[in-house]
C-alpha atoms as a PDB file:
ATOM      1  CA  MET A   1      -1.000 102.432 -25.308  1.00  0.00           C
ATOM      2  CA  ALA A   2      -3.011 100.530 -27.908  1.00  0.00           C
ATOM      3  CA  GLN A   3      -1.655  97.487 -29.699  1.00  0.00           C
ATOM      4  CA  ASP A   4      -1.189  97.489 -33.433  1.00  0.00           C
ATOM      5  CA  PRO A   5      -4.127  95.617 -35.073  1.00  0.00           C
ATOM      6  CA  GLY A   6      -1.733  93.870 -37.457  1.00  0.00           C
ATOM      7  CA  GLU A   7       0.296  92.465 -34.565  1.00  0.00           C
ATOM      8  CA  LEU A   8      -2.874  91.271 -32.852  1.00  0.00           C
ATOM      9  CA  ARG A   9      -3.990  89.502 -36.032  1.00  0.00           C
ATOM     10  CA  GLU A  10      -0.590  87.803 -36.350  1.00  0.00           C
ATOM     11  CA  LEU A  11      -0.774  86.716 -32.718  1.00  0.00           C
ATOM     12  CA  GLY A  12      -4.300  85.372 -33.272  1.00  0.00           C
ATOM     13  CA  LYS A  13      -3.127  83.376 -36.300  1.00  0.00           C
ATOM     14  CA  LYS A  14      -0.226  81.916 -34.331  1.00  0.00           C
ATOM     15  CA  LEU A  15      -2.550  80.953 -31.487  1.00  0.00           C
ATOM     16  CA  ASP A  16      -5.002  79.331 -33.915  1.00  0.00           C
ATOM     17  CA  GLU A  17      -2.204  77.315 -35.525  1.00  0.00           C
ATOM     18  CA  ALA A  18      -0.861  76.201 -32.137  1.00  0.00           C
ATOM     19  CA  GLN A  19      -4.339  75.170 -31.009  1.00  0.00           C
ATOM     20  CA  LYS A  20      -4.892  73.254 -34.245  1.00  0.00           C
ATOM     21  CA  ARG A  21      -1.605  71.355 -33.781  1.00  0.00           C
ATOM     22  CA  GLN A  22      -2.556  70.543 -30.184  1.00  0.00           C
ATOM     23  CA  VAL A  23      -5.918  69.091 -31.244  1.00  0.00           C
ATOM     24  CA  GLU A  24      -4.255  66.997 -33.969  1.00  0.00           C
ATOM     25  CA  ARG A  25      -1.793  65.562 -31.443  1.00  0.00           C
ATOM     26  CA  SER A  26      -4.474  64.759 -28.871  1.00  0.00           C
ATOM     27  CA  THR A  27      -6.656  62.708 -31.225  1.00  0.00           C
ATOM     28  CA  ARG A  28      -5.838  59.009 -31.068  1.00  0.00           C
ATOM     29  CA  PRO A  29      -6.508  56.465 -33.778  1.00  0.00           C
ATOM     30  CA  PRO A  30      -9.224  53.921 -33.033  1.00  0.00           C
ATOM     31  CA  PRO A  31      -7.992  50.869 -31.141  1.00  0.00           C
ATOM     32  CA  SER A  32      -6.808  47.865 -33.124  1.00  0.00           C
ATOM     33  CA  GLN A  33      -8.520  44.488 -32.915  1.00  0.00           C
ATOM     34  CA  MET A  34      -5.575  43.074 -30.963  1.00  0.00           C
ATOM     35  CA  GLY A  35      -5.751  45.977 -28.535  1.00  0.00           C
ATOM     36  CA  ILE A  36      -9.463  45.431 -27.992  1.00  0.00           C
ATOM     37  CA  ALA A  37      -9.022  41.682 -27.484  1.00  0.00           C
ATOM     38  CA  GLY A  38      -6.153  42.285 -25.078  1.00  0.00           C
ATOM     39  CA  ARG A  39      -8.159  44.748 -23.043  1.00  0.00           C
ATOM     40  CA  PHE A  40     -11.172  42.420 -22.839  1.00  0.00           C
ATOM     41  CA  ALA A  41      -8.996  39.479 -21.799  1.00  0.00           C
ATOM     42  CA  THR A  42      -7.198  41.554 -19.199  1.00  0.00           C
ATOM     43  CA  GLU A  43     -10.445  42.884 -17.728  1.00  0.00           C
ATOM     44  CA  LEU A  44     -11.957  39.410 -17.442  1.00  0.00           C
ATOM     45  CA  VAL A  45      -8.885  37.551 -16.174  1.00  0.00           C
ATOM     46  CA  ALA A  46      -8.012  40.222 -13.609  1.00  0.00           C
ATOM     47  CA  ALA A  47     -11.507  40.169 -12.116  1.00  0.00           C
ATOM     48  CA  VAL A  48     -11.641  36.360 -11.930  1.00  0.00           C
ATOM     49  CA  VAL A  49      -8.156  36.131 -10.388  1.00  0.00           C
ATOM     50  CA  MET A  50      -8.955  38.837  -7.837  1.00  0.00           C
ATOM     51  CA  GLY A  51     -12.272  37.206  -6.918  1.00  0.00           C
ATOM     52  CA  GLY A  52     -10.720  33.759  -6.593  1.00  0.00           C
ATOM     53  CA  GLY A  53      -7.776  35.139  -4.652  1.00  0.00           C
ATOM     54  CA  MET A  54     -10.012  36.991  -2.231  1.00  0.00           C
ATOM     55  CA  GLY A  55     -12.142  33.873  -1.698  1.00  0.00           C
ATOM     56  CA  TRP A  56      -9.079  31.706  -1.153  1.00  0.00           C
ATOM     57  CA  GLY A  57      -7.681  34.283   1.282  1.00  0.00           C
ATOM     58  CA  ILE A  58     -10.896  34.413   3.294  1.00  0.00           C
ATOM     59  CA  ASP A  59     -11.065  30.599   3.395  1.00  0.00           C
ATOM     60  CA  TRP A  60      -7.439  30.468   4.528  1.00  0.00           C
ATOM     61  CA  LEU A  61      -8.025  33.139   7.164  1.00  0.00           C
ATOM     62  CA  PHE A  62     -11.088  31.371   8.583  1.00  0.00           C
ATOM     63  CA  GLY A  63      -9.233  28.028   8.485  1.00  0.00           C
ATOM     64  CA  HIS A  64      -6.360  29.630  10.359  1.00  0.00           C
ATOM     65  CA  PHE A  65      -8.733  30.543  13.178  1.00  0.00           C
ATOM     66  CA  GLY A  66     -10.396  27.128  13.322  1.00  0.00           C
ATOM     67  CA  PHE A  67     -13.410  27.590  11.025  1.00  0.00           C
ATOM     68  CA  HIS A  68     -13.206  25.150   8.136  1.00  0.00           C
ATOM     69  CA  THR A  69     -15.028  26.900   5.294  1.00  0.00           C
ATOM     70  CA  ARG A  70     -13.023  25.565   2.366  1.00  0.00           C
ATOM     71  CA  PRO A  71     -13.958  25.984  -0.522  1.00  0.00           C
ATOM     72  CA  VAL A  72     -17.147  27.955   0.131  1.00  0.00           C
ATOM     73  CA  PHE A  73     -15.711  31.472  -0.161  1.00  0.00           C
ATOM     74  CA  LEU A  74     -13.412  30.477  -3.021  1.00  0.00           C
ATOM     75  CA  VAL A  75     -16.382  29.332  -5.102  1.00  0.00           C
ATOM     76  CA  VAL A  76     -18.578  32.297  -4.147  1.00  0.00           C
ATOM     77  CA  PHE A  77     -15.916  34.902  -4.843  1.00  0.00           C
ATOM     78  CA  PHE A  78     -14.855  33.139  -8.056  1.00  0.00           C
ATOM     79  CA  PHE A  79     -18.367  33.566  -9.420  1.00  0.00           C
ATOM     80  CA  LEU A  80     -18.570  37.144  -8.130  1.00  0.00           C
ATOM     81  CA  GLY A  81     -15.259  37.865  -9.868  1.00  0.00           C
ATOM     82  CA  ALA A  82     -16.506  36.272 -13.082  1.00  0.00           C
ATOM     83  CA  GLY A  83     -19.638  38.430 -12.943  1.00  0.00           C
ATOM     84  CA  ALA A  84     -17.584  41.539 -12.278  1.00  0.00           C
ATOM     85  CA  GLY A  85     -15.261  40.631 -15.160  1.00  0.00           C
ATOM     86  CA  ILE A  86     -18.158  40.243 -17.565  1.00  0.00           C
ATOM     87  CA  LEU A  87     -19.554  43.584 -16.431  1.00  0.00           C
ATOM     88  CA  ASN A  88     -16.127  45.198 -16.931  1.00  0.00           C
ATOM     89  CA  VAL A  89     -15.880  43.758 -20.449  1.00  0.00           C
ATOM     90  CA  LYS A  90     -19.340  45.124 -21.270  1.00  0.00           C
ATOM     91  CA  ARG A  91     -18.372  48.572 -19.974  1.00  0.00           C
ATOM     92  CA  ALA A  92     -15.098  48.483 -21.936  1.00  0.00           C
ATOM     93  CA  ALA A  93     -16.983  47.482 -25.093  1.00  0.00           C
ATOM     94  CA  ASP A  94     -19.436  50.352 -24.628  1.00  0.00           C
ATOM     95  CA  GLU A  95     -16.536  52.784 -24.129  1.00  0.00           C
ATOM     96  CA  ILE A  96     -14.681  51.543 -27.222  1.00  0.00           C
ATOM     97  CA  ASN A  97     -17.852  51.693 -29.315  1.00  0.00           C
ATOM     98  CA  ALA A  98     -18.432  55.282 -28.176  1.00  0.00           C
ATOM     99  CA  GLN A  99     -14.835  56.214 -29.088  1.00  0.00           C
ATOM    100  CA  ILE A 100     -15.146  54.640 -32.516  1.00  0.00           C
ATOM    101  CA  ALA A 101     -18.507  56.320 -33.137  1.00  0.00           C
ATOM    102  CA  ALA A 102     -17.103  59.706 -32.065  1.00  0.00           C
ATOM    103  CA  GLY A 103     -14.152  59.207 -34.422  1.00  0.00           C
ATOM    104  CA  GLN A 104     -16.408  58.373 -37.363  1.00  0.00           C
ATOM    105  CA  ASN A 105     -18.633  61.383 -36.722  1.00  0.00           C
ATOM    106  CA  LYS A 106     -15.668  63.781 -36.998  1.00  0.00           C
ATOM    107  CA  GLU A 107     -14.745  62.650 -40.502  1.00  0.00           C
END
């Protein structure tokens, strides 16, 4: 029970066209300048807020149990959060640069 070669060629062409459409849909345009700025701001602010919040929470928790540490942990975790935010922005910039470079190489 062999398949007709003509039918197999037609099926191959249809599969190639479907695969080509799928690749075209999956490629995204490079990010806009506003998108990049928004991502950088979000990365930095989120890390600083989380660091400061964790420090404040630890200070509050220790103060609740009688150890008065204010504002030691708030300051320490604020700076740790700022460092983490800067590192996140650097990683995001490297990722965006790699995406843009990959997009330019395809053309």
